[in-house]
Amino acid sequence: MIADYIPLPRFAGGHKMTLYAWARRRIFPELPAAVERCFEVADDARVLAHCHWQPQREAHPTLIALHGLEGSSEAHYMRGIASKAWARSFNVVRLNQRNCGGTEHLSAGLYHSGLTADPLVVLRELAAKDGLTRMAIAGYSLGGNLALKIAGDLGPDASRELCAVAAVSPVMELEACVTAIERRENRLYEWNFCRNLQSRMRRKAKACPDKWDTAGLWKIWSIRAFDERYTAPHHGFADAADYYHRASAMRVVDRIAIPALIVTAEDDPFVPPEPFRDPKVTGNPHITTVITAHGGHCGFIGEASGYDGYWAEKMVVDFVASQT
């Protein structure tokens, strides 16, 4: 049963809710200190996770949390969902994408929006080495696309490894999202993403000085231009358009065969709602889609009533708990 979402009245608009969620400081006194763990996901790449283990971890379900573009395991929603899942007796693995969370030195290359191989390695290592059997993946924004794409890529075989997936504000159709963020009213978001991408590439160039050319990097102020120059060629895509098409969960969402939850908002500034009404989504009986009138991008903050008001985090934890 998915509870209705009632936004904070003064932050009901998409931009207001998005910016409020980004700027609001949060503390999580109930969440115990994390244990750091590196996973070798490729010959030239390791990713860092912050793990919260229950006593006798193999007896508990596990939630793997995935962050969004230029986020990290320390993003407020990553810690927020970890706190709620921990309170429900979950192990929680807050996973960084390659180079995120100050880990540029751990990987030779870059991450991208459809790089599902890395969380799959983590999932399988947790099963093989830690004896964990009841696992779910939850992602926000880019991480939401990854969660859905993993389930779609695995298709009917997913149930051997995963109990459920959940996605909040997922960039499930990348071309549509990049086009939306290029609108004039979204310039602030794109500027912020590009500023962070530029900073990351400069750190990357310092870590691997012979691999990355940063000449003219300061001129790149669109996500599409960044992906055209760096992301697409590095990962073997023909261009940014090819990358957006092939990395989008929309290509495989109809193959999802385990319980999946999608939470998105009509007023999300740069994730249009139309793909979530596509028959590939609505016709899949394994997918529960919740499209709220308000919520912004990864916001969904309501009045605190028995919890901290971060509604989407609560819905995700409630959903995966019901499936594990």
C-alpha atoms as a PDB file:
ATOM      1  CA  MET A   1       0.000   0.000   0.000  1.00  0.00           C
ATOM      2  CA  ILE A   2       1.601   3.255  -1.158  1.00  0.00           C
ATOM      3  CA  ALA A   3       0.623   6.211   1.021  1.00  0.00           C
ATOM      4  CA  ASP A   4      -0.461   9.444  -0.645  1.00  0.00           C
ATOM      5  CA  TYR A   5       2.189  12.131  -0.812  1.00  0.00           C
ATOM      6  CA  ILE A   6       1.261  15.543   0.608  1.00  0.00           C
ATOM      7  CA  PRO A   7       4.079  18.061   0.032  1.00  0.00           C
ATOM      8  CA  LEU A   8       5.117  20.782   2.405  1.00  0.00           C
ATOM      9  CA  PRO A   9       2.747  23.547   1.231  1.00  0.00           C
ATOM     10  CA  ARG A  10       5.396  26.268   1.038  1.00  0.00           C
ATOM     11  CA  PHE A  11       7.652  24.049  -1.102  1.00  0.00           C
ATOM     12  CA  ALA A  12       5.041  22.453  -3.377  1.00  0.00           C
ATOM     13  CA  GLY A  13       6.552  23.727  -6.657  1.00  0.00           C
ATOM     14  CA  GLY A  14       9.044  21.562  -8.528  1.00  0.00           C
ATOM     15  CA  HIS A  15      11.916  24.045  -8.386  1.00  0.00           C
ATOM     16  CA  LYS A  16      11.220  24.961  -4.760  1.00  0.00           C
ATOM     17  CA  MET A  17      11.131  21.347  -3.640  1.00  0.00           C
ATOM     18  CA  THR A  18      14.244  20.391  -5.619  1.00  0.00           C
ATOM     19  CA  LEU A  19      16.325  23.279  -4.298  1.00  0.00           C
ATOM     20  CA  TYR A  20      15.031  22.889  -0.752  1.00  0.00           C
ATOM     21  CA  ALA A  21      15.965  19.201  -0.741  1.00  0.00           C
ATOM     22  CA  TRP A  22      19.425  19.975  -2.111  1.00  0.00           C
ATOM     23  CA  ALA A  23      20.143  22.747   0.397  1.00  0.00           C
ATOM     24  CA  ARG A  24      18.591  21.361   3.576  1.00  0.00           C
ATOM     25  CA  ARG A  25      21.092  19.959   6.075  1.00  0.00           C
ATOM     26  CA  ARG A  26      20.280  16.636   7.695  1.00  0.00           C
ATOM     27  CA  ILE A  27      21.745  14.632  10.553  1.00  0.00           C
ATOM     28  CA  PHE A  28      21.214  10.947  11.298  1.00  0.00           C
ATOM     29  CA  PRO A  29      22.065  10.180  14.923  1.00  0.00           C
ATOM     30  CA  GLU A  30      20.459   6.717  14.759  1.00  0.00           C
ATOM     31  CA  LEU A  31      22.653   5.569  11.868  1.00  0.00           C
ATOM     32  CA  PRO A  32      25.796   3.828  13.165  1.00  0.00           C
ATOM     33  CA  ALA A  33      29.228   4.616  11.790  1.00  0.00           C
ATOM     34  CA  ALA A  34      29.892   3.003   8.441  1.00  0.00           C
ATOM     35  CA  VAL A  35      32.559   0.446   7.629  1.00  0.00           C
ATOM     36  CA  GLU A  36      34.484   1.287   4.455  1.00  0.00           C
ATOM     37  CA  ARG A  37      34.922  -1.434   1.865  1.00  0.00           C
ATOM     38  CA  CYS A  38      36.421  -1.378  -1.616  1.00  0.00           C
ATOM     39  CA  PHE A  39      35.155  -3.675  -4.341  1.00  0.00           C
ATOM     40  CA  GLU A  40      37.308  -4.537  -7.350  1.00  0.00           C
ATOM     41  CA  VAL A  41      34.833  -4.152 -10.206  1.00  0.00           C
ATOM     42  CA  ALA A  42      37.338  -4.338 -13.091  1.00  0.00           C
ATOM     43  CA  ASP A  43      41.051  -4.851 -13.622  1.00  0.00           C
ATOM     44  CA  ASP A  44      41.577  -1.080 -13.467  1.00  0.00           C
ATOM     45  CA  ALA A  45      38.723  -0.019 -11.207  1.00  0.00           C
ATOM     46  CA  ARG A  46      37.651  -0.205  -7.595  1.00  0.00           C
ATOM     47  CA  VAL A  47      34.614   1.396  -6.012  1.00  0.00           C
ATOM     48  CA  LEU A  48      34.205   2.469  -2.399  1.00  0.00           C
ATOM     49  CA  ALA A  49      31.174   1.577  -0.310  1.00  0.00           C
ATOM     50  CA  HIS A  50      30.105   2.711   3.137  1.00  0.00           C
ATOM     51  CA  CYS A  51      28.515  -0.308   4.798  1.00  0.00           C
ATOM     52  CA  HIS A  52      26.244  -0.597   7.812  1.00  0.00           C
ATOM     53  CA  TRP A  53      26.136  -4.201   9.013  1.00  0.00           C
ATOM     54  CA  GLN A  54      23.587  -5.680  11.355  1.00  0.00           C
ATOM     55  CA  PRO A  55      24.850  -8.301  13.833  1.00  0.00           C
ATOM     56  CA  GLN A  56      24.903 -11.631  11.991  1.00  0.00           C
ATOM     57  CA  ARG A  57      24.543  -9.807   8.688  1.00  0.00           C
ATOM     58  CA  GLU A  58      23.657 -12.932   6.698  1.00  0.00           C
ATOM     59  CA  ALA A  59      20.400 -13.224   8.682  1.00  0.00           C
ATOM     60  CA  HIS A  60      19.197  -9.794   7.535  1.00  0.00           C
ATOM     61  CA  PRO A  61      18.055  -8.354   4.213  1.00  0.00           C
ATOM     62  CA  THR A  62      20.451  -5.964   2.475  1.00  0.00           C
ATOM     63  CA  LEU A  63      19.782  -2.723   0.620  1.00  0.00           C
ATOM     64  CA  ILE A  64      22.340  -1.417  -1.883  1.00  0.00           C
ATOM     65  CA  ALA A  65      21.859   2.320  -2.418  1.00  0.00           C
ATOM     66  CA  LEU A  66      22.970   4.119  -5.602  1.00  0.00           C
ATOM     67  CA  HIS A  67      23.420   7.882  -5.881  1.00  0.00           C
ATOM     68  CA  GLY A  68      22.790  10.308  -8.725  1.00  0.00           C
ATOM     69  CA  LEU A  69      24.970  12.269 -11.141  1.00  0.00           C
ATOM     70  CA  GLU A  70      27.984  13.753  -9.348  1.00  0.00           C
ATOM     71  CA  GLY A  71      26.644  12.582  -6.013  1.00  0.00           C
ATOM     72  CA  SER A  72      28.289  10.196  -3.581  1.00  0.00           C
ATOM     73  CA  SER A  73      27.599   7.808  -0.750  1.00  0.00           C
ATOM     74  CA  GLU A  74      27.472  10.875   1.492  1.00  0.00           C
ATOM     75  CA  ALA A  75      24.515  12.485  -0.311  1.00  0.00           C
ATOM     76  CA  HIS A  76      21.742  13.318   2.141  1.00  0.00           C
ATOM     77  CA  TYR A  77      19.268  10.939   0.487  1.00  0.00           C
ATOM     78  CA  MET A  78      21.826   8.106   0.624  1.00  0.00           C
ATOM     79  CA  ARG A  79      22.223   8.570   4.361  1.00  0.00           C
ATOM     80  CA  GLY A  80      18.498   9.183   4.783  1.00  0.00           C
ATOM     81  CA  ILE A  81      17.479   5.954   3.112  1.00  0.00           C
ATOM     82  CA  ALA A  82      20.260   4.135   4.979  1.00  0.00           C
ATOM     83  CA  SER A  83      18.936   5.396   8.303  1.00  0.00           C
ATOM     84  CA  LYS A  84      15.386   4.247   7.527  1.00  0.00           C
ATOM     85  CA  ALA A  85      16.531   0.874   6.192  1.00  0.00           C
ATOM     86  CA  TRP A  86      18.816   0.293   9.180  1.00  0.00           C
ATOM     87  CA  ALA A  87      15.888   0.935  11.511  1.00  0.00           C
ATOM     88  CA  ARG A  88      14.004  -1.819   9.653  1.00  0.00           C
ATOM     89  CA  SER A  89      16.857  -4.300  10.335  1.00  0.00           C
ATOM     90  CA  PHE A  90      18.500  -4.032   6.913  1.00  0.00           C
ATOM     91  CA  ASN A  91      22.185  -4.150   6.178  1.00  0.00           C
ATOM     92  CA  VAL A  92      22.901  -1.104   4.019  1.00  0.00           C
ATOM     93  CA  VAL A  93      25.629  -0.630   1.416  1.00  0.00           C
ATOM     94  CA  ARG A  94      25.967   2.981   0.273  1.00  0.00           C
ATOM     95  CA  LEU A  95      27.882   2.561  -2.973  1.00  0.00           C
ATOM     96  CA  ASN A  96      29.931   5.204  -4.779  1.00  0.00           C
ATOM     97  CA  GLN A  97      30.095   5.212  -8.559  1.00  0.00           C
ATOM     98  CA  ARG A  98      33.601   5.127 -10.019  1.00  0.00           C
ATOM     99  CA  ASN A  99      35.549   8.278  -9.023  1.00  0.00           C
ATOM    100  CA  CYS A 100      32.797   9.571  -6.752  1.00  0.00           C
ATOM    101  CA  GLY A 101      33.215  10.325  -3.069  1.00  0.00           C
ATOM    102  CA  GLY A 102      36.855  11.350  -3.522  1.00  0.00           C
ATOM    103  CA  THR A 103      37.895   8.095  -5.195  1.00  0.00           C
ATOM    104  CA  GLU A 104      39.388   9.352  -8.457  1.00  0.00           C
ATOM    105  CA  HIS A 105      42.601   7.497  -7.598  1.00  0.00           C
ATOM    106  CA  LEU A 106      40.845   4.114  -7.436  1.00  0.00           C
ATOM    107  CA  SER A 107      39.809   3.876 -11.097  1.00  0.00           C
ATOM    108  CA  ALA A 108      41.501   4.565 -14.405  1.00  0.00           C
ATOM    109  CA  GLY A 109      38.241   5.460 -16.171  1.00  0.00           C
ATOM    110  CA  LEU A 110      34.887   7.157 -15.693  1.00  0.00           C
ATOM    111  CA  TYR A 111      31.410   6.049 -14.713  1.00  0.00           C
ATOM    112  CA  HIS A 112      28.322   6.531 -16.852  1.00  0.00           C
ATOM    113  CA  SER A 113      24.556   6.427 -16.415  1.00  0.00           C
ATOM    114  CA  GLY A 114      24.175   2.846 -17.594  1.00  0.00           C
ATOM    115  CA  LEU A 115      27.271   1.219 -16.087  1.00  0.00           C
ATOM    116  CA  THR A 116      25.426  -1.627 -14.408  1.00  0.00           C
ATOM    117  CA  ALA A 117      28.434  -3.942 -14.322  1.00  0.00           C
ATOM    118  CA  ASP A 118      29.857  -2.285 -11.194  1.00  0.00           C
ATOM    119  CA  PRO A 119      26.868  -2.699  -8.839  1.00  0.00           C
ATOM    120  CA  LEU A 120      26.375  -6.205 -10.223  1.00  0.00           C
ATOM    121  CA  VAL A 121      29.924  -7.131  -9.168  1.00  0.00           C
ATOM    122  CA  VAL A 122      29.173  -5.732  -5.707  1.00  0.00           C
ATOM    123  CA  LEU A 123      25.885  -7.642  -5.518  1.00  0.00           C
ATOM    124  CA  ARG A 124      27.536 -10.906  -6.492  1.00  0.00           C
ATOM    125  CA  GLU A 125      30.475 -10.480  -4.136  1.00  0.00           C
ATOM    126  CA  LEU A 126      28.102  -9.842  -1.237  1.00  0.00           C
ATOM    127  CA  ALA A 127      26.308 -13.064  -2.117  1.00  0.00           C
ATOM    128  CA  ALA A 128      29.441 -15.181  -2.614  1.00  0.00           C
ATOM    129  CA  LYS A 129      31.694 -13.848   0.158  1.00  0.00           C
ATOM    130  CA  ASP A 130      29.239 -12.558   2.752  1.00  0.00           C
ATOM    131  CA  GLY A 131      26.512 -15.123   2.327  1.00  0.00           C
ATOM    132  CA  LEU A 132      23.814 -12.509   1.764  1.00  0.00           C
ATOM    133  CA  THR A 133      20.721 -13.838   0.034  1.00  0.00           C
ATOM    134  CA  ARG A 134      17.945 -11.255   0.407  1.00  0.00           C
ATOM    135  CA  MET A 135      19.108  -8.160  -1.461  1.00  0.00           C
ATOM    136  CA  ALA A 136      17.460  -5.153  -3.054  1.00  0.00           C
ATOM    137  CA  ILE A 137      18.787  -2.133  -4.939  1.00  0.00           C
ATOM    138  CA  ALA A 138      17.441   1.404  -4.604  1.00  0.00           C
ATOM    139  CA  GLY A 139      18.659   4.350  -6.645  1.00  0.00           C
ATOM    140  CA  TYR A 140      18.046   8.048  -6.968  1.00  0.00           C
ATOM    141  CA  SER A 141      18.131   9.854 -10.346  1.00  0.00           C
ATOM    142  CA  LEU A 142      21.061   8.316 -12.280  1.00  0.00           C
ATOM    143  CA  GLY A 143      21.172   5.589  -9.628  1.00  0.00           C
ATOM    144  CA  GLY A 144      17.492   4.941 -10.282  1.00  0.00           C
ATOM    145  CA  ASN A 145      18.223   4.375 -13.951  1.00  0.00           C
ATOM    146  CA  LEU A 146      20.946   1.906 -12.947  1.00  0.00           C
ATOM    147  CA  ALA A 147      18.626   0.023 -10.588  1.00  0.00           C
ATOM    148  CA  LEU A 148      15.935  -0.391 -13.245  1.00  0.00           C
ATOM    149  CA  LYS A 149      18.448  -1.249 -15.961  1.00  0.00           C
ATOM    150  CA  ILE A 150      20.005  -3.960 -13.816  1.00  0.00           C
ATOM    151  CA  ALA A 151      16.600  -5.572 -13.334  1.00  0.00           C
ATOM    152  CA  GLY A 152      15.800  -5.229 -17.039  1.00  0.00           C
ATOM    153  CA  ASP A 153      19.163  -6.555 -18.199  1.00  0.00           C
ATOM    154  CA  LEU A 154      18.821  -9.607 -15.953  1.00  0.00           C
ATOM    155  CA  GLY A 155      15.206 -10.171 -16.980  1.00  0.00           C
ATOM    156  CA  PRO A 156      13.764 -13.449 -15.660  1.00  0.00           C
ATOM    157  CA  ASP A 157      17.129 -14.342 -14.100  1.00  0.00           C
ATOM    158  CA  ALA A 158      17.040 -11.360 -11.727  1.00  0.00           C
ATOM    159  CA  SER A 159      15.190 -13.263  -9.017  1.00  0.00           C
ATOM    160  CA  ARG A 160      18.244 -15.464  -8.508  1.00  0.00           C
ATOM    161  CA  GLU A 161      20.158 -12.431  -7.260  1.00  0.00           C
ATOM    162  CA  LEU A 162      17.660  -9.707  -6.382  1.00  0.00           C
ATOM    163  CA  CYS A 163      14.391  -9.537  -4.489  1.00  0.00           C
ATOM    164  CA  ALA A 164      13.387  -6.056  -5.645  1.00  0.00           C
ATOM    165  CA  VAL A 165      14.522  -2.723  -7.077  1.00  0.00           C
ATOM    166  CA  ALA A 166      13.301   0.815  -6.442  1.00  0.00           C
ATOM    167  CA  ALA A 167      13.963   4.093  -8.249  1.00  0.00           C
ATOM    168  CA  VAL A 168      13.252   7.669  -7.197  1.00  0.00           C
ATOM    169  CA  SER A 169      13.196  10.336  -9.934  1.00  0.00           C
ATOM    170  CA  PRO A 170      15.039   7.970 -12.297  1.00  0.00           C
ATOM    171  CA  VAL A 171      16.542   9.399 -15.497  1.00  0.00           C
ATOM    172  CA  MET A 172      15.081   6.398 -17.293  1.00  0.00           C
ATOM    173  CA  GLU A 173      15.094   8.065 -20.751  1.00  0.00           C
ATOM    174  CA  LEU A 174      18.370   9.970 -20.819  1.00  0.00           C
ATOM    175  CA  GLU A 175      17.838  11.930 -24.043  1.00  0.00           C
ATOM    176  CA  ALA A 176      14.546  13.352 -22.743  1.00  0.00           C
ATOM    177  CA  CYS A 177      16.164  14.318 -19.426  1.00  0.00           C
ATOM    178  CA  VAL A 178      19.184  15.999 -21.006  1.00  0.00           C
ATOM    179  CA  THR A 179      16.898  17.894 -23.372  1.00  0.00           C
ATOM    180  CA  ALA A 180      14.787  19.015 -20.404  1.00  0.00           C
ATOM    181  CA  ILE A 181      17.756  20.217 -18.372  1.00  0.00           C
ATOM    182  CA  GLU A 182      18.883  22.312 -21.341  1.00  0.00           C
ATOM    183  CA  ARG A 183      15.788  24.515 -21.004  1.00  0.00           C
ATOM    184  CA  ARG A 184      16.478  28.083 -19.887  1.00  0.00           C
ATOM    185  CA  GLU A 185      14.628  27.662 -16.575  1.00  0.00           C
ATOM    186  CA  ASN A 186      16.905  24.732 -15.687  1.00  0.00           C
ATOM    187  CA  ARG A 187      20.177  26.507 -16.337  1.00  0.00           C
ATOM    188  CA  LEU A 188      21.082  26.591 -12.638  1.00  0.00           C
ATOM    189  CA  TYR A 189      20.929  22.800 -12.377  1.00  0.00           C
ATOM    190  CA  GLU A 190      23.012  22.241 -15.488  1.00  0.00           C
ATOM    191  CA  TRP A 191      25.546  24.838 -14.378  1.00  0.00           C
ATOM    192  CA  ASN A 192      25.917  23.072 -11.034  1.00  0.00           C
ATOM    193  CA  PHE A 193      26.311  19.634 -12.628  1.00  0.00           C
ATOM    194  CA  CYS A 194      28.878  20.958 -15.122  1.00  0.00           C
ATOM    195  CA  ARG A 195      30.842  22.764 -12.429  1.00  0.00           C
ATOM    196  CA  ASN A 196      31.125  19.470 -10.539  1.00  0.00           C
ATOM    197  CA  LEU A 197      31.986  17.518 -13.692  1.00  0.00           C
ATOM    198  CA  GLN A 198      34.747  20.000 -14.506  1.00  0.00           C
ATOM    199  CA  SER A 199      36.163  19.741 -10.981  1.00  0.00           C
ATOM    200  CA  ARG A 200      36.097  15.966 -11.166  1.00  0.00           C
ATOM    201  CA  MET A 201      37.922  15.887 -14.501  1.00  0.00           C
ATOM    202  CA  ARG A 202      40.630  18.168 -13.130  1.00  0.00           C
ATOM    203  CA  ARG A 203      41.093  15.830 -10.163  1.00  0.00           C
ATOM    204  CA  LYS A 204      41.055  12.893 -12.556  1.00  0.00           C
ATOM    205  CA  ALA A 205      43.746  14.483 -14.701  1.00  0.00           C
ATOM    206  CA  LYS A 206      45.933  14.934 -11.623  1.00  0.00           C
ATOM    207  CA  ALA A 207      45.451  11.293 -10.654  1.00  0.00           C
ATOM    208  CA  CYS A 208      46.105  10.067 -14.231  1.00  0.00           C
ATOM    209  CA  PRO A 209      48.133  12.879 -15.838  1.00  0.00           C
ATOM    210  CA  ASP A 210      48.851  11.102 -19.136  1.00  0.00           C
ATOM    211  CA  LYS A 211      45.284   9.935 -19.799  1.00  0.00           C
ATOM    212  CA  TRP A 212      42.976  12.959 -19.692  1.00  0.00           C
ATOM    213  CA  ASP A 213      43.153  16.164 -21.717  1.00  0.00           C
ATOM    214  CA  THR A 214      41.531  19.054 -19.885  1.00  0.00           C
ATOM    215  CA  ALA A 215      42.389  21.776 -22.400  1.00  0.00           C
ATOM    216  CA  GLY A 216      39.291  23.910 -22.907  1.00  0.00           C
ATOM    217  CA  LEU A 217      37.422  22.102 -20.150  1.00  0.00           C
ATOM    218  CA  TRP A 218      36.331  25.424 -18.694  1.00  0.00           C
ATOM    219  CA  LYS A 219      34.271  26.048 -21.837  1.00  0.00           C
ATOM    220  CA  ILE A 220      32.056  23.002 -21.297  1.00  0.00           C
ATOM    221  CA  TRP A 221      28.840  24.191 -19.690  1.00  0.00           C
ATOM    222  CA  SER A 222      26.373  21.575 -20.936  1.00  0.00           C
ATOM    223  CA  ILE A 223      26.035  17.952 -19.904  1.00  0.00           C
ATOM    224  CA  ARG A 224      25.633  16.967 -23.549  1.00  0.00           C
ATOM    225  CA  ALA A 225      28.931  18.628 -24.492  1.00  0.00           C
ATOM    226  CA  PHE A 226      30.703  16.910 -21.590  1.00  0.00           C
ATOM    227  CA  ASP A 227      29.319  13.526 -22.604  1.00  0.00           C
ATOM    228  CA  GLU A 228      30.246  14.157 -26.240  1.00  0.00           C
ATOM    229  CA  ARG A 229      33.850  14.896 -25.322  1.00  0.00           C
ATOM    230  CA  TYR A 230      34.482  12.500 -22.432  1.00  0.00           C
ATOM    231  CA  THR A 231      31.795   9.982 -21.470  1.00  0.00           C
ATOM    232  CA  ALA A 232      30.751   8.657 -24.886  1.00  0.00           C
ATOM    233  CA  PRO A 233      34.202   8.114 -26.457  1.00  0.00           C
ATOM    234  CA  HIS A 234      35.712   6.710 -23.264  1.00  0.00           C
ATOM    235  CA  HIS A 235      33.049   4.009 -23.028  1.00  0.00           C
ATOM    236  CA  GLY A 236      32.944   3.193 -26.732  1.00  0.00           C
ATOM    237  CA  PHE A 237      29.697   4.931 -27.690  1.00  0.00           C
ATOM    238  CA  ALA A 238      29.491   6.570 -31.108  1.00  0.00           C
ATOM    239  CA  ASP A 239      28.451   9.903 -29.611  1.00  0.00           C
ATOM    240  CA  ALA A 240      26.339  11.355 -26.809  1.00  0.00           C
ATOM    241  CA  ALA A 241      23.070  10.431 -28.545  1.00  0.00           C
ATOM    242  CA  ASP A 242      24.182   6.801 -28.867  1.00  0.00           C
ATOM    243  CA  TYR A 243      25.201   6.787 -25.205  1.00  0.00           C
ATOM    244  CA  TYR A 244      21.853   8.200 -24.072  1.00  0.00           C
ATOM    245  CA  HIS A 245      19.941   5.638 -26.087  1.00  0.00           C
ATOM    246  CA  ARG A 246      21.914   2.566 -25.063  1.00  0.00           C
ATOM    247  CA  ALA A 247      22.391   3.503 -21.394  1.00  0.00           C
ATOM    248  CA  SER A 248      18.721   4.234 -20.705  1.00  0.00           C
ATOM    249  CA  ALA A 249      16.707   1.737 -18.672  1.00  0.00           C
ATOM    250  CA  MET A 250      13.811   2.463 -21.031  1.00  0.00           C
ATOM    251  CA  ARG A 251      15.388   0.029 -23.522  1.00  0.00           C
ATOM    252  CA  VAL A 252      14.893  -2.905 -21.135  1.00  0.00           C
ATOM    253  CA  VAL A 253      12.210  -1.814 -18.669  1.00  0.00           C
ATOM    254  CA  ASP A 254       9.654  -4.124 -20.253  1.00  0.00           C
ATOM    255  CA  ARG A 255      11.903  -7.091 -19.320  1.00  0.00           C
ATOM    256  CA  ILE A 256      11.824  -6.370 -15.578  1.00  0.00           C
ATOM    257  CA  ALA A 257      10.565  -9.530 -13.897  1.00  0.00           C
ATOM    258  CA  ILE A 258      10.994  -8.767 -10.179  1.00  0.00           C
ATOM    259  CA  PRO A 259       9.045  -6.304  -8.020  1.00  0.00           C
ATOM    260  CA  ALA A 260      10.040  -2.769  -8.959  1.00  0.00           C
ATOM    261  CA  LEU A 261       8.921   0.583  -7.572  1.00  0.00           C
ATOM    262  CA  ILE A 262       9.218   3.859  -9.488  1.00  0.00           C
ATOM    263  CA  VAL A 263       8.513   7.169  -7.735  1.00  0.00           C
ATOM    264  CA  THR A 264       8.546  10.359  -9.797  1.00  0.00           C
ATOM    265  CA  ALA A 265       6.823  13.749  -9.867  1.00  0.00           C
ATOM    266  CA  GLU A 266       4.889  15.642 -12.510  1.00  0.00           C
ATOM    267  CA  ASP A 267       6.745  18.807 -11.532  1.00  0.00           C
ATOM    268  CA  ASP A 268      10.267  17.346 -11.678  1.00  0.00           C
ATOM    269  CA  PRO A 269      12.210  20.118 -13.460  1.00  0.00           C
ATOM    270  CA  PHE A 270      14.252  17.791 -15.675  1.00  0.00           C
ATOM    271  CA  VAL A 271      12.753  14.282 -15.578  1.00  0.00           C
ATOM    272  CA  PRO A 272       9.654  14.446 -17.799  1.00  0.00           C
ATOM    273  CA  PRO A 273       6.752  12.205 -16.705  1.00  0.00           C
ATOM    274  CA  GLU A 274       5.835  10.931 -20.198  1.00  0.00           C
ATOM    275  CA  PRO A 275       8.193   7.892 -20.271  1.00  0.00           C
ATOM    276  CA  PHE A 276       6.625   6.571 -17.074  1.00  0.00           C
ATOM    277  CA  ARG A 277       3.279   6.350 -18.885  1.00  0.00           C
ATOM    278  CA  ASP A 278       4.730   4.384 -21.779  1.00  0.00           C
ATOM    279  CA  PRO A 279       3.083   0.971 -22.288  1.00  0.00           C
ATOM    280  CA  LYS A 280       6.480  -0.657 -21.700  1.00  0.00           C
ATOM    281  CA  VAL A 281       6.188   0.584 -18.121  1.00  0.00           C
ATOM    282  CA  THR A 282       2.441   0.554 -17.484  1.00  0.00           C
ATOM    283  CA  GLY A 283       2.037  -2.830 -19.164  1.00  0.00           C
ATOM    284  CA  ASN A 284       4.626  -4.534 -16.983  1.00  0.00           C
ATOM    285  CA  PRO A 285       2.798  -6.129 -14.019  1.00  0.00           C
ATOM    286  CA  HIS A 286       6.002  -6.253 -11.967  1.00  0.00           C
ATOM    287  CA  ILE A 287       6.356  -2.451 -11.886  1.00  0.00           C
ATOM    288  CA  THR A 288       4.516  -0.204  -9.443  1.00  0.00           C
ATOM    289  CA  THR A 289       4.668   3.370 -10.718  1.00  0.00           C
ATOM    290  CA  VAL A 290       3.763   6.324  -8.504  1.00  0.00           C
ATOM    291  CA  ILE A 291       3.581   9.699 -10.262  1.00  0.00           C
ATOM    292  CA  THR A 292       2.824  12.453  -7.773  1.00  0.00           C
ATOM    293  CA  ALA A 293       1.683  15.959  -8.687  1.00  0.00           C
ATOM    294  CA  HIS A 294       4.499  17.488  -6.656  1.00  0.00           C
ATOM    295  CA  GLY A 295       7.855  16.401  -5.309  1.00  0.00           C
ATOM    296  CA  GLY A 296      10.418  18.005  -7.602  1.00  0.00           C
ATOM    297  CA  HIS A 297      13.594  16.073  -8.367  1.00  0.00           C
ATOM    298  CA  CYS A 298      14.522  13.708  -5.531  1.00  0.00           C
ATOM    299  CA  GLY A 299      12.598  15.902  -3.094  1.00  0.00           C
ATOM    300  CA  PHE A 300       9.260  14.523  -1.898  1.00  0.00           C
ATOM    301  CA  ILE A 301       9.387  16.209   1.506  1.00  0.00           C
ATOM    302  CA  GLY A 302       6.155  16.310   3.475  1.00  0.00           C
ATOM    303  CA  GLU A 303       5.094  17.150   6.988  1.00  0.00           C
ATOM    304  CA  ALA A 304       6.945  15.094   9.585  1.00  0.00           C
ATOM    305  CA  SER A 305       4.459  12.711  11.144  1.00  0.00           C
ATOM    306  CA  GLY A 306       6.097   9.813  12.914  1.00  0.00           C
ATOM    307  CA  TYR A 307       9.168  10.145  10.694  1.00  0.00           C
ATOM    308  CA  ASP A 308      11.294  12.954   9.248  1.00  0.00           C
ATOM    309  CA  GLY A 309       8.995  13.776   6.326  1.00  0.00           C
ATOM    310  CA  TYR A 310      11.193  12.364   3.543  1.00  0.00           C
ATOM    311  CA  TRP A 311       8.321  10.485   1.970  1.00  0.00           C
ATOM    312  CA  ALA A 312      10.085   8.808  -0.965  1.00  0.00           C
ATOM    313  CA  GLU A 313      12.746   7.323   1.303  1.00  0.00           C
ATOM    314  CA  LYS A 314      10.035   5.838   3.519  1.00  0.00           C
ATOM    315  CA  MET A 315       8.109   4.469   0.525  1.00  0.00           C
ATOM    316  CA  VAL A 316      11.209   2.809  -0.892  1.00  0.00           C
ATOM    317  CA  VAL A 317      12.129   1.165   2.415  1.00  0.00           C
ATOM    318  CA  ASP A 318       8.541   0.052   3.001  1.00  0.00           C
ATOM    319  CA  PHE A 319       8.447  -1.432  -0.505  1.00  0.00           C
ATOM    320  CA  VAL A 320      11.720  -3.357  -0.353  1.00  0.00           C
ATOM    321  CA  ALA A 321      10.911  -4.549   3.160  1.00  0.00           C
ATOM    322  CA  SER A 322       7.679  -6.044   1.834  1.00  0.00           C
ATOM    323  CA  GLN A 323       9.645  -7.949  -0.837  1.00  0.00           C
ATOM    324  CA  THR A 324      12.582  -9.249   1.215  1.00  0.00           C
END
